[in-house]
Amino acid sequence: MNAIVPPIGKRIQLKRKTFTPPLGYTFPMTRTVIHTDEAGSDLGDVGLLAAHTGTGIRHRAFSVYVFNPEKSKMIIQKRSAKKMLWPLFWANTCCSHPLRGESSSEAGERRLQEELGFTCALEEGPSFTYRAEDPSGHGVEDEYDTILTGIVPEDQHMNSNPEEVLEWQWISLAALSSDMAAKKDQYAPWFHLGLPKALSSLQS
């Protein structure tokens, strides 16, 4: 993957929108994501950066939710400070975009390994669309997001990637619900939207 690291503090003109990169962010210039319509239909490839800047471009994504066998706790992560969007926010176990030719579950299993150093079988749940603007003005998410759920024991070995994850923890669903209500602005918007869908999918 070719990438360029912009000088920190230097403003860069991208798609007619002025954008200041977060500290340490590296632009993956050759990456693409799958452009979709509201129903998730494939409309071709679009550049990763183009999809997340300006007004955003709707694209395919997935969100992984990993629970303990009792389904009473889940793994959440605090996003790395190097993330372009929503750095240092708490979010679900992991999330990203499927590659061309990759199913959502295959992509989720791959991404678990890349971010947290383990993987597990994932079940595909419902999909939903949302659009949210990063509160620091670094870009936008406009996604057709598919829920993926998995089960691992609480003693599952983890080896998180510091480029992606600042910290992670097991948290009870009761404590998580209370904390998300009390500290709403510390959690990523897709997590607020996706968690009820993941829990419903887990119980079905």
N, C-alpha and C. Protein backbone atom coordinates (compact mmCIF):
# COMPACT_ATOMS: atom_id res chain seq x y z
N MET A 1 0.84 -1.18 0.00
CA MET A 1 0.00 0.00 0.00
C MET A 1 0.88 1.24 0.00
N ASN A 2 0.66 2.13 -0.96
CA ASN A 2 1.39 3.38 -0.97
C ASN A 2 0.69 4.35 -0.04
N ALA A 3 1.46 5.13 0.66
CA ALA A 3 0.86 6.09 1.57
C ALA A 3 1.77 7.29 1.69
N ILE A 4 1.19 8.43 2.01
CA ILE A 4 1.99 9.61 2.27
C ILE A 4 1.62 10.13 3.64
N VAL A 5 2.59 10.63 4.33
CA VAL A 5 2.35 11.22 5.64
C VAL A 5 2.45 12.72 5.51
N PRO A 6 1.36 13.47 5.64
CA PRO A 6 1.41 14.91 5.48
C PRO A 6 2.07 15.57 6.67
N PRO A 7 2.72 16.71 6.48
CA PRO A 7 3.27 17.45 7.62
C PRO A 7 2.14 17.83 8.57
N ILE A 8 2.33 17.55 9.85
CA ILE A 8 1.29 17.86 10.82
C ILE A 8 1.07 19.37 10.87
N GLY A 9 -0.19 19.77 10.84
CA GLY A 9 -0.53 21.18 10.89
C GLY A 9 -0.65 21.82 9.52
N LYS A 10 -0.16 21.16 8.47
CA LYS A 10 -0.28 21.71 7.13
C LYS A 10 -1.65 21.37 6.59
N ARG A 11 -2.36 22.36 6.07
CA ARG A 11 -3.70 22.14 5.55
C ARG A 11 -3.60 21.68 4.10
N ILE A 12 -4.40 20.67 3.76
CA ILE A 12 -4.34 20.04 2.45
C ILE A 12 -5.70 20.17 1.79
N GLN A 13 -5.73 20.57 0.52
CA GLN A 13 -7.00 20.73 -0.18
C GLN A 13 -7.41 19.41 -0.81
N LEU A 14 -8.56 18.88 -0.40
CA LEU A 14 -9.05 17.59 -0.89
C LEU A 14 -10.51 17.73 -1.30
N LYS A 15 -10.79 17.53 -2.58
CA LYS A 15 -12.17 17.55 -3.07
C LYS A 15 -12.89 18.83 -2.64
N ARG A 16 -12.20 19.94 -2.73
CA ARG A 16 -12.77 21.26 -2.43
C ARG A 16 -13.10 21.44 -0.95
N LYS A 17 -12.61 20.54 -0.13
CA LYS A 17 -12.83 20.70 1.32
C LYS A 17 -11.47 20.77 2.01
N THR A 18 -11.25 21.81 2.80
CA THR A 18 -9.99 21.93 3.51
C THR A 18 -10.00 20.99 4.71
N PHE A 19 -8.91 20.26 4.85
CA PHE A 19 -8.85 19.16 5.81
C PHE A 19 -7.52 19.20 6.53
N THR A 20 -7.52 19.18 7.85
CA THR A 20 -6.30 19.11 8.63
C THR A 20 -6.16 17.71 9.21
N PRO A 21 -5.11 16.95 8.81
CA PRO A 21 -4.98 15.57 9.29
C PRO A 21 -4.75 15.50 10.79
N PRO A 22 -5.33 14.51 11.46
CA PRO A 22 -5.02 14.30 12.87
C PRO A 22 -3.54 13.93 13.04
N LEU A 23 -3.01 14.17 14.21
CA LEU A 23 -1.62 13.85 14.50
C LEU A 23 -1.33 12.38 14.20
N GLY A 24 -0.34 12.13 13.35
CA GLY A 24 0.11 10.78 13.06
C GLY A 24 -0.68 10.05 12.00
N TYR A 25 -1.72 10.70 11.42
CA TYR A 25 -2.54 9.99 10.44
C TYR A 25 -1.80 9.81 9.13
N THR A 26 -1.92 8.61 8.53
CA THR A 26 -1.32 8.29 7.25
C THR A 26 -2.42 8.06 6.22
N PHE A 27 -2.35 8.75 5.09
CA PHE A 27 -3.36 8.59 4.05
C PHE A 27 -3.11 7.32 3.26
N PRO A 28 -4.02 6.34 3.26
CA PRO A 28 -3.87 5.15 2.40
C PRO A 28 -4.39 5.49 1.00
N MET A 29 -3.53 6.10 0.18
CA MET A 29 -3.98 6.72 -1.06
C MET A 29 -4.55 5.74 -2.08
N THR A 30 -4.16 4.47 -2.04
CA THR A 30 -4.61 3.52 -3.05
C THR A 30 -5.82 2.71 -2.61
N ARG A 31 -6.27 2.85 -1.39
CA ARG A 31 -7.40 2.06 -0.89
C ARG A 31 -8.71 2.51 -1.52
N THR A 32 -9.59 1.55 -1.77
CA THR A 32 -10.93 1.86 -2.24
C THR A 32 -11.96 1.17 -1.34
N VAL A 33 -13.18 1.68 -1.39
CA VAL A 33 -14.30 1.04 -0.72
C VAL A 33 -15.41 0.87 -1.75
N ILE A 34 -16.44 0.11 -1.40
CA ILE A 34 -17.51 -0.21 -2.34
C ILE A 34 -18.66 0.79 -2.18
N HIS A 35 -18.87 1.57 -3.21
CA HIS A 35 -19.94 2.57 -3.25
C HIS A 35 -21.29 1.85 -3.34
N THR A 36 -22.26 2.25 -2.52
CA THR A 36 -23.58 1.61 -2.54
C THR A 36 -24.69 2.65 -2.57
N ASP A 37 -25.89 2.18 -2.88
CA ASP A 37 -27.06 3.02 -2.71
C ASP A 37 -27.69 2.72 -1.35
N GLU A 38 -28.88 3.27 -1.12
CA GLU A 38 -29.55 3.13 0.18
C GLU A 38 -29.85 1.67 0.52
N ALA A 39 -30.03 0.85 -0.54
CA ALA A 39 -30.36 -0.56 -0.34
C ALA A 39 -29.14 -1.46 -0.29
N GLY A 40 -27.95 -0.88 -0.40
CA GLY A 40 -26.72 -1.66 -0.35
C GLY A 40 -26.27 -2.20 -1.68
N SER A 41 -26.92 -1.81 -2.79
CA SER A 41 -26.53 -2.29 -4.11
C SER A 41 -25.16 -1.75 -4.50
N ASP A 42 -24.37 -2.58 -5.13
CA ASP A 42 -23.00 -2.26 -5.53
C ASP A 42 -23.00 -1.26 -6.68
N LEU A 43 -22.41 -0.09 -6.48
CA LEU A 43 -22.32 0.94 -7.51
C LEU A 43 -20.89 1.15 -7.98
N GLY A 44 -19.99 0.22 -7.63
CA GLY A 44 -18.60 0.34 -8.06
C GLY A 44 -17.69 0.76 -6.93
N ASP A 45 -16.44 1.02 -7.26
CA ASP A 45 -15.44 1.39 -6.27
C ASP A 45 -15.28 2.90 -6.18
N VAL A 46 -14.92 3.36 -5.00
CA VAL A 46 -14.64 4.78 -4.78
C VAL A 46 -13.44 4.86 -3.83
N GLY A 47 -12.63 5.88 -3.98
CA GLY A 47 -11.46 6.04 -3.12
C GLY A 47 -11.85 6.20 -1.65
N LEU A 48 -11.06 5.59 -0.79
CA LEU A 48 -11.32 5.64 0.65
C LEU A 48 -11.41 7.08 1.15
N LEU A 49 -10.48 7.91 0.73
CA LEU A 49 -10.45 9.29 1.20
C LEU A 49 -11.63 10.08 0.67
N ALA A 50 -11.96 9.87 -0.61
CA ALA A 50 -13.11 10.57 -1.20
C ALA A 50 -14.40 10.21 -0.48
N ALA A 51 -14.51 8.94 -0.05
CA ALA A 51 -15.73 8.48 0.62
C ALA A 51 -15.91 9.10 1.99
N HIS A 52 -14.82 9.60 2.58
CA HIS A 52 -14.87 10.08 3.96
C HIS A 52 -14.62 11.58 4.10
N THR A 53 -14.53 12.30 2.98
CA THR A 53 -14.33 13.75 3.04
C THR A 53 -15.42 14.44 2.24
N GLY A 54 -15.41 15.79 2.24
CA GLY A 54 -16.47 16.53 1.59
C GLY A 54 -17.81 16.19 2.22
N THR A 55 -18.80 15.91 1.39
CA THR A 55 -20.11 15.52 1.91
C THR A 55 -20.21 14.02 2.14
N GLY A 56 -19.15 13.27 1.80
CA GLY A 56 -19.13 11.82 1.98
C GLY A 56 -19.81 11.11 0.83
N ILE A 57 -19.49 9.83 0.65
CA ILE A 57 -20.09 8.98 -0.37
C ILE A 57 -20.52 7.68 0.32
N ARG A 58 -21.77 7.30 0.14
CA ARG A 58 -22.29 6.09 0.77
C ARG A 58 -21.46 4.88 0.34
N HIS A 59 -21.04 4.06 1.33
CA HIS A 59 -20.19 2.91 1.03
C HIS A 59 -20.47 1.77 2.00
N ARG A 60 -20.05 0.59 1.60
CA ARG A 60 -20.30 -0.63 2.37
C ARG A 60 -19.34 -0.72 3.56
N ALA A 61 -19.87 -1.12 4.70
CA ALA A 61 -19.07 -1.25 5.92
C ALA A 61 -19.63 -2.41 6.75
N PHE A 62 -18.92 -2.74 7.82
CA PHE A 62 -19.41 -3.74 8.76
C PHE A 62 -19.01 -3.33 10.16
N SER A 63 -19.77 -3.78 11.14
CA SER A 63 -19.48 -3.54 12.55
C SER A 63 -19.55 -4.86 13.30
N VAL A 64 -18.46 -5.21 13.98
CA VAL A 64 -18.35 -6.48 14.69
C VAL A 64 -18.65 -6.28 16.18
N TYR A 65 -19.45 -7.19 16.72
CA TYR A 65 -19.80 -7.21 18.14
C TYR A 65 -19.50 -8.60 18.68
N VAL A 66 -18.50 -8.70 19.55
CA VAL A 66 -18.11 -10.00 20.10
C VAL A 66 -18.52 -10.08 21.57
N PHE A 67 -19.23 -11.15 21.92
CA PHE A 67 -19.80 -11.35 23.25
C PHE A 67 -19.18 -12.57 23.92
N ASN A 68 -19.36 -12.64 25.25
CA ASN A 68 -18.98 -13.86 25.98
C ASN A 68 -20.06 -14.93 25.77
N PRO A 69 -19.79 -16.19 26.13
CA PRO A 69 -20.78 -17.25 25.89
C PRO A 69 -22.12 -17.02 26.59
N GLU A 70 -22.10 -16.33 27.72
CA GLU A 70 -23.35 -16.05 28.44
C GLU A 70 -24.12 -14.88 27.82
N LYS A 71 -23.48 -14.19 26.87
CA LYS A 71 -24.08 -13.04 26.18
C LYS A 71 -24.43 -11.92 27.15
N SER A 72 -23.63 -11.83 28.21
CA SER A 72 -23.84 -10.79 29.22
C SER A 72 -22.78 -9.69 29.15
N LYS A 73 -21.70 -9.94 28.42
CA LYS A 73 -20.61 -8.97 28.26
C LYS A 73 -20.19 -8.92 26.80
N MET A 74 -19.56 -7.80 26.41
CA MET A 74 -18.99 -7.71 25.08
C MET A 74 -17.65 -6.99 25.13
N ILE A 75 -16.87 -7.14 24.09
CA ILE A 75 -15.59 -6.46 23.96
C ILE A 75 -15.82 -5.12 23.27
N ILE A 76 -15.38 -4.04 23.91
CA ILE A 76 -15.40 -2.73 23.26
C ILE A 76 -13.96 -2.22 23.17
N GLN A 77 -13.75 -1.29 22.27
CA GLN A 77 -12.41 -0.71 22.10
C GLN A 77 -12.47 0.81 22.08
N LYS A 78 -11.38 1.42 22.55
CA LYS A 78 -11.19 2.86 22.38
C LYS A 78 -10.31 3.05 21.16
N ARG A 79 -10.79 3.81 20.21
CA ARG A 79 -10.10 3.99 18.95
C ARG A 79 -8.80 4.77 19.14
N SER A 80 -7.78 4.39 18.39
CA SER A 80 -6.47 5.02 18.48
C SER A 80 -6.54 6.52 18.20
N ALA A 81 -5.63 7.27 18.80
CA ALA A 81 -5.52 8.70 18.52
C ALA A 81 -5.13 8.97 17.08
N LYS A 82 -4.60 7.96 16.39
CA LYS A 82 -4.17 8.11 15.00
C LYS A 82 -5.31 7.92 14.00
N LYS A 83 -6.48 7.55 14.48
CA LYS A 83 -7.62 7.38 13.58
C LYS A 83 -8.02 8.71 12.97
N MET A 84 -8.36 8.70 11.69
CA MET A 84 -8.80 9.92 11.01
C MET A 84 -10.13 10.41 11.57
N LEU A 85 -11.06 9.49 11.80
CA LEU A 85 -12.40 9.84 12.26
C LEU A 85 -12.66 9.27 13.65
N TRP A 86 -13.26 10.09 14.49
CA TRP A 86 -13.61 9.71 15.86
C TRP A 86 -12.44 9.07 16.62
N PRO A 87 -11.25 9.70 16.60
CA PRO A 87 -10.16 9.18 17.42
C PRO A 87 -10.51 9.30 18.90
N LEU A 88 -10.08 8.32 19.68
CA LEU A 88 -10.25 8.28 21.13
C LEU A 88 -11.71 8.12 21.57
N PHE A 89 -12.58 7.74 20.66
CA PHE A 89 -13.95 7.41 21.02
C PHE A 89 -14.05 5.91 21.30
N TRP A 90 -14.93 5.54 22.21
CA TRP A 90 -15.24 4.14 22.43
C TRP A 90 -16.16 3.65 21.33
N ALA A 91 -15.96 2.42 20.91
CA ALA A 91 -16.78 1.83 19.84
C ALA A 91 -16.93 0.34 20.09
N ASN A 92 -17.63 -0.31 19.18
CA ASN A 92 -17.83 -1.76 19.25
C ASN A 92 -16.51 -2.50 19.06
N THR A 93 -16.55 -3.82 19.01
CA THR A 93 -15.33 -4.63 19.01
C THR A 93 -14.38 -4.23 17.88
N CYS A 94 -14.89 -4.11 16.67
CA CYS A 94 -14.11 -3.53 15.57
C CYS A 94 -15.06 -3.22 14.43
N CYS A 95 -14.58 -2.43 13.47
CA CYS A 95 -15.38 -2.10 12.30
C CYS A 95 -14.45 -1.68 11.17
N SER A 96 -14.91 -1.84 9.95
CA SER A 96 -14.11 -1.45 8.79
C SER A 96 -14.95 -1.63 7.53
N HIS A 97 -14.27 -1.88 6.41
CA HIS A 97 -14.92 -2.02 5.11
C HIS A 97 -14.49 -3.32 4.45
N PRO A 98 -15.43 -4.07 3.83
CA PRO A 98 -15.02 -5.27 3.11
C PRO A 98 -14.26 -4.92 1.84
N LEU A 99 -13.33 -5.78 1.49
CA LEU A 99 -12.61 -5.63 0.23
C LEU A 99 -13.47 -6.18 -0.90
N ARG A 100 -13.16 -5.78 -2.12
CA ARG A 100 -13.87 -6.30 -3.28
C ARG A 100 -13.76 -7.83 -3.32
N GLY A 101 -14.87 -8.53 -3.45
CA GLY A 101 -14.89 -9.99 -3.50
C GLY A 101 -14.92 -10.66 -2.14
N GLU A 102 -14.98 -9.89 -1.07
CA GLU A 102 -14.96 -10.41 0.29
C GLU A 102 -16.35 -10.25 0.91
N SER A 103 -16.86 -11.30 1.53
CA SER A 103 -18.14 -11.17 2.23
C SER A 103 -17.96 -10.35 3.51
N SER A 104 -19.06 -9.85 4.05
CA SER A 104 -18.97 -9.08 5.29
C SER A 104 -18.38 -9.90 6.42
N SER A 105 -18.80 -11.17 6.55
CA SER A 105 -18.28 -12.01 7.64
C SER A 105 -16.80 -12.31 7.44
N GLU A 106 -16.37 -12.57 6.21
CA GLU A 106 -14.95 -12.79 5.94
C GLU A 106 -14.15 -11.54 6.30
N ALA A 107 -14.68 -10.39 5.94
CA ALA A 107 -13.99 -9.13 6.24
C ALA A 107 -13.90 -8.90 7.74
N GLY A 108 -14.98 -9.18 8.45
CA GLY A 108 -14.98 -9.00 9.90
C GLY A 108 -14.00 -9.91 10.60
N GLU A 109 -13.92 -11.16 10.15
CA GLU A 109 -12.98 -12.11 10.75
C GLU A 109 -11.54 -11.68 10.48
N ARG A 110 -11.29 -11.15 9.29
CA ARG A 110 -9.96 -10.62 8.97
C ARG A 110 -9.63 -9.42 9.85
N ARG A 111 -10.61 -8.52 9.99
CA ARG A 111 -10.34 -7.28 10.71
C ARG A 111 -10.14 -7.51 12.21
N LEU A 112 -10.83 -8.49 12.78
CA LEU A 112 -10.57 -8.84 14.18
C LEU A 112 -9.10 -9.18 14.39
N GLN A 113 -8.54 -9.97 13.48
CA GLN A 113 -7.14 -10.36 13.58
C GLN A 113 -6.23 -9.15 13.45
N GLU A 114 -6.55 -8.26 12.52
CA GLU A 114 -5.71 -7.08 12.28
C GLU A 114 -5.74 -6.10 13.45
N GLU A 115 -6.88 -5.94 14.08
CA GLU A 115 -7.01 -4.94 15.14
C GLU A 115 -6.74 -5.50 16.54
N LEU A 116 -7.19 -6.73 16.81
CA LEU A 116 -7.15 -7.26 18.18
C LEU A 116 -6.36 -8.54 18.33
N GLY A 117 -5.82 -9.07 17.24
CA GLY A 117 -4.94 -10.23 17.32
C GLY A 117 -5.63 -11.55 17.58
N PHE A 118 -6.92 -11.64 17.30
CA PHE A 118 -7.64 -12.92 17.38
C PHE A 118 -8.75 -12.88 16.34
N THR A 119 -9.34 -14.02 16.07
CA THR A 119 -10.52 -14.03 15.21
C THR A 119 -11.48 -15.10 15.70
N CYS A 120 -12.70 -15.06 15.19
CA CYS A 120 -13.72 -16.05 15.54
C CYS A 120 -14.77 -16.06 14.44
N ALA A 121 -15.60 -17.09 14.44
CA ALA A 121 -16.68 -17.16 13.46
C ALA A 121 -17.69 -16.04 13.74
N LEU A 122 -18.16 -15.40 12.68
CA LEU A 122 -19.11 -14.30 12.82
C LEU A 122 -20.39 -14.60 12.06
N GLU A 123 -21.51 -14.25 12.68
CA GLU A 123 -22.82 -14.39 12.05
C GLU A 123 -23.29 -13.04 11.53
N GLU A 124 -23.80 -13.03 10.31
CA GLU A 124 -24.26 -11.78 9.72
C GLU A 124 -25.66 -11.45 10.21
N GLY A 125 -25.85 -10.21 10.66
CA GLY A 125 -27.14 -9.73 11.12
C GLY A 125 -27.71 -8.70 10.16
N PRO A 126 -28.53 -7.79 10.65
CA PRO A 126 -29.15 -6.79 9.79
C PRO A 126 -28.16 -5.73 9.34
N SER A 127 -28.56 -4.99 8.32
CA SER A 127 -27.78 -3.85 7.83
C SER A 127 -28.61 -2.58 8.01
N PHE A 128 -27.93 -1.46 8.14
CA PHE A 128 -28.61 -0.17 8.27
C PHE A 128 -27.74 0.92 7.66
N THR A 129 -28.34 2.05 7.36
CA THR A 129 -27.58 3.18 6.83
C THR A 129 -27.56 4.31 7.85
N TYR A 130 -26.49 5.05 7.84
CA TYR A 130 -26.39 6.24 8.68
C TYR A 130 -25.37 7.20 8.07
N ARG A 131 -25.46 8.44 8.47
CA ARG A 131 -24.48 9.45 8.09
C ARG A 131 -24.15 10.27 9.33
N ALA A 132 -22.86 10.50 9.59
CA ALA A 132 -22.44 11.27 10.76
C ALA A 132 -21.17 12.04 10.42
N GLU A 133 -21.08 13.26 10.92
CA GLU A 133 -19.91 14.10 10.70
C GLU A 133 -19.01 14.05 11.93
N ASP A 134 -17.72 13.84 11.70
CA ASP A 134 -16.75 13.80 12.79
C ASP A 134 -16.79 15.11 13.57
N PRO A 135 -16.87 15.06 14.90
CA PRO A 135 -17.00 16.29 15.68
C PRO A 135 -15.80 17.22 15.61
N SER A 136 -14.64 16.69 15.21
CA SER A 136 -13.45 17.54 15.06
C SER A 136 -13.31 18.09 13.65
N GLY A 137 -14.26 17.78 12.77
CA GLY A 137 -14.22 18.29 11.42
C GLY A 137 -13.28 17.58 10.49
N HIS A 138 -12.88 16.35 10.84
CA HIS A 138 -11.91 15.61 10.03
C HIS A 138 -12.53 14.83 8.88
N GLY A 139 -13.86 14.75 8.83
CA GLY A 139 -14.48 14.02 7.74
C GLY A 139 -15.87 13.54 8.11
N VAL A 140 -16.34 12.54 7.37
CA VAL A 140 -17.72 12.09 7.52
C VAL A 140 -17.80 10.58 7.30
N GLU A 141 -18.74 9.94 7.97
CA GLU A 141 -19.10 8.56 7.66
C GLU A 141 -20.47 8.56 7.00
N ASP A 142 -20.61 7.83 5.91
CA ASP A 142 -21.89 7.66 5.22
C ASP A 142 -21.93 6.20 4.77
N GLU A 143 -22.49 5.34 5.61
CA GLU A 143 -22.26 3.90 5.44
C GLU A 143 -23.55 3.08 5.32
N TYR A 144 -23.42 2.01 4.55
CA TYR A 144 -24.37 0.90 4.58
C TYR A 144 -23.67 -0.16 5.43
N ASP A 145 -24.08 -0.25 6.68
CA ASP A 145 -23.32 -0.95 7.72
C ASP A 145 -24.00 -2.28 8.08
N THR A 146 -23.26 -3.37 7.98
CA THR A 146 -23.78 -4.70 8.30
C THR A 146 -23.30 -5.15 9.68
N ILE A 147 -24.22 -5.58 10.51
CA ILE A 147 -23.92 -6.07 11.85
C ILE A 147 -23.38 -7.50 11.79
N LEU A 148 -22.29 -7.76 12.51
CA LEU A 148 -21.71 -9.10 12.63
C LEU A 148 -21.55 -9.42 14.11
N THR A 149 -21.96 -10.61 14.53
CA THR A 149 -21.83 -10.99 15.94
C THR A 149 -21.03 -12.28 16.07
N GLY A 150 -20.28 -12.38 17.18
CA GLY A 150 -19.49 -13.56 17.46
C GLY A 150 -19.42 -13.83 18.95
N ILE A 151 -18.95 -15.01 19.29
CA ILE A 151 -18.84 -15.45 20.69
C ILE A 151 -17.43 -15.96 20.95
N VAL A 152 -16.78 -15.47 22.02
CA VAL A 152 -15.49 -16.02 22.46
C VAL A 152 -15.48 -16.06 23.99
N PRO A 153 -14.67 -16.93 24.59
CA PRO A 153 -14.55 -16.95 26.05
C PRO A 153 -13.86 -15.69 26.55
N GLU A 154 -14.11 -15.34 27.80
CA GLU A 154 -13.52 -14.12 28.35
C GLU A 154 -12.01 -14.23 28.54
N ASP A 155 -11.46 -15.44 28.51
CA ASP A 155 -10.01 -15.58 28.62
C ASP A 155 -9.35 -15.65 27.24
N GLN A 156 -10.09 -15.28 26.20
CA GLN A 156 -9.53 -15.24 24.85
C GLN A 156 -8.29 -14.34 24.83
N HIS A 157 -7.19 -14.85 24.27
CA HIS A 157 -5.96 -14.05 24.18
C HIS A 157 -6.16 -12.91 23.19
N MET A 158 -5.74 -11.71 23.58
CA MET A 158 -5.82 -10.53 22.72
C MET A 158 -4.43 -9.96 22.51
N ASN A 159 -4.20 -9.41 21.35
CA ASN A 159 -2.94 -8.73 21.04
C ASN A 159 -3.28 -7.54 20.16
N SER A 160 -3.73 -6.44 20.79
CA SER A 160 -4.27 -5.31 20.03
C SER A 160 -3.18 -4.55 19.28
N ASN A 161 -3.56 -4.01 18.14
CA ASN A 161 -2.68 -3.22 17.28
C ASN A 161 -2.77 -1.76 17.71
N PRO A 162 -1.69 -1.17 18.24
CA PRO A 162 -1.77 0.21 18.75
C PRO A 162 -2.03 1.25 17.67
N GLU A 163 -1.81 0.89 16.40
CA GLU A 163 -2.15 1.81 15.31
C GLU A 163 -3.66 1.97 15.18
N GLU A 164 -4.40 0.98 15.66
CA GLU A 164 -5.85 0.96 15.51
C GLU A 164 -6.59 1.14 16.84
N VAL A 165 -6.04 0.56 17.90
CA VAL A 165 -6.75 0.44 19.17
C VAL A 165 -5.90 1.00 20.30
N LEU A 166 -6.44 1.98 21.04
CA LEU A 166 -5.72 2.50 22.20
C LEU A 166 -5.86 1.55 23.38
N GLU A 167 -7.07 1.07 23.62
CA GLU A 167 -7.31 0.10 24.68
C GLU A 167 -8.61 -0.66 24.38
N TRP A 168 -8.77 -1.77 25.07
CA TRP A 168 -10.00 -2.56 24.91
C TRP A 168 -10.39 -3.12 26.26
N GLN A 169 -11.63 -3.54 26.39
CA GLN A 169 -12.08 -4.14 27.65
C GLN A 169 -13.33 -4.98 27.43
N TRP A 170 -13.50 -5.97 28.30
CA TRP A 170 -14.78 -6.64 28.45
C TRP A 170 -15.64 -5.75 29.35
N ILE A 171 -16.90 -5.57 28.99
CA ILE A 171 -17.80 -4.77 29.81
C ILE A 171 -19.18 -5.44 29.82
N SER A 172 -19.82 -5.41 30.98
CA SER A 172 -21.16 -5.99 31.06
C SER A 172 -22.13 -5.13 30.25
N LEU A 173 -23.14 -5.75 29.68
CA LEU A 173 -24.10 -5.00 28.88
C LEU A 173 -24.86 -3.99 29.73
N ALA A 174 -25.09 -4.32 31.00
CA ALA A 174 -25.78 -3.39 31.89
C ALA A 174 -24.92 -2.14 32.13
N ALA A 175 -23.63 -2.35 32.41
CA ALA A 175 -22.73 -1.22 32.64
C ALA A 175 -22.55 -0.40 31.36
N LEU A 176 -22.48 -1.09 30.24
CA LEU A 176 -22.32 -0.40 28.95
C LEU A 176 -23.52 0.48 28.66
N SER A 177 -24.71 -0.04 28.87
CA SER A 177 -25.92 0.74 28.63
C SER A 177 -25.95 2.00 29.48
N SER A 178 -25.60 1.87 30.74
CA SER A 178 -25.58 3.03 31.64
C SER A 178 -24.55 4.05 31.22
N ASP A 179 -23.35 3.57 30.85
CA ASP A 179 -22.28 4.48 30.49
C ASP A 179 -22.56 5.20 29.17
N MET A 180 -23.14 4.47 28.21
CA MET A 180 -23.45 5.10 26.93
C MET A 180 -24.53 6.17 27.08
N ALA A 181 -25.45 5.96 28.01
CA ALA A 181 -26.49 6.96 28.27
C ALA A 181 -25.91 8.18 28.97
N ALA A 182 -24.99 7.95 29.91
CA ALA A 182 -24.42 9.05 30.70
C ALA A 182 -23.33 9.82 29.95
N LYS A 183 -22.61 9.13 29.07
CA LYS A 183 -21.47 9.73 28.37
C LYS A 183 -21.62 9.54 26.86
N LYS A 184 -22.76 9.94 26.35
CA LYS A 184 -23.11 9.69 24.96
C LYS A 184 -22.05 10.17 23.99
N ASP A 185 -21.46 11.34 24.28
CA ASP A 185 -20.50 11.92 23.34
C ASP A 185 -19.11 11.28 23.41
N GLN A 186 -18.94 10.23 24.22
CA GLN A 186 -17.67 9.50 24.25
C GLN A 186 -17.72 8.21 23.43
N TYR A 187 -18.89 7.95 22.84
CA TYR A 187 -19.09 6.73 22.05
C TYR A 187 -19.39 7.09 20.60
N ALA A 188 -18.84 6.29 19.69
CA ALA A 188 -19.02 6.54 18.26
C ALA A 188 -20.49 6.43 17.86
N PRO A 189 -20.94 7.26 16.92
CA PRO A 189 -22.37 7.27 16.57
C PRO A 189 -22.88 5.94 16.03
N TRP A 190 -22.05 5.22 15.24
CA TRP A 190 -22.52 3.94 14.71
C TRP A 190 -22.71 2.90 15.81
N PHE A 191 -22.00 3.06 16.93
CA PHE A 191 -22.15 2.15 18.06
C PHE A 191 -23.52 2.35 18.71
N HIS A 192 -23.91 3.61 18.91
CA HIS A 192 -25.23 3.90 19.47
C HIS A 192 -26.33 3.28 18.60
N LEU A 193 -26.18 3.38 17.29
CA LEU A 193 -27.19 2.87 16.37
C LEU A 193 -27.16 1.36 16.23
N GLY A 194 -25.95 0.80 16.24
CA GLY A 194 -25.79 -0.62 15.94
C GLY A 194 -25.99 -1.56 17.10
N LEU A 195 -25.70 -1.11 18.33
CA LEU A 195 -25.78 -2.02 19.47
C LEU A 195 -27.17 -2.65 19.65
N PRO A 196 -28.25 -1.88 19.61
CA PRO A 196 -29.57 -2.53 19.74
C PRO A 196 -29.83 -3.57 18.65
N LYS A 197 -29.35 -3.31 17.45
CA LYS A 197 -29.53 -4.26 16.35
C LYS A 197 -28.70 -5.52 16.58
N ALA A 198 -27.48 -5.34 17.11
CA ALA A 198 -26.63 -6.50 17.41
C ALA A 198 -27.25 -7.37 18.50
N LEU A 199 -27.79 -6.73 19.54
CA LEU A 199 -28.41 -7.48 20.63
C LEU A 199 -29.66 -8.22 20.15
N SER A 200 -30.43 -7.58 19.30
CA SER A 200 -31.61 -8.24 18.74
C SER A 200 -31.22 -9.42 17.87
N SER A 201 -30.16 -9.24 17.07
CA SER A 201 -29.67 -10.32 16.21
C SER A 201 -29.15 -11.49 17.04
N LEU A 202 -28.49 -11.18 18.16
CA LEU A 202 -27.92 -12.20 19.03
C LEU A 202 -29.01 -13.07 19.65
N GLN A 203 -30.15 -12.48 19.91
CA GLN A 203 -31.24 -13.19 20.59
C GLN A 203 -32.15 -13.96 19.63
N SER A 204 -32.02 -13.69 18.33
CA SER A 204 -32.92 -14.33 17.36
C SER A 204 -32.44 -15.72 16.97
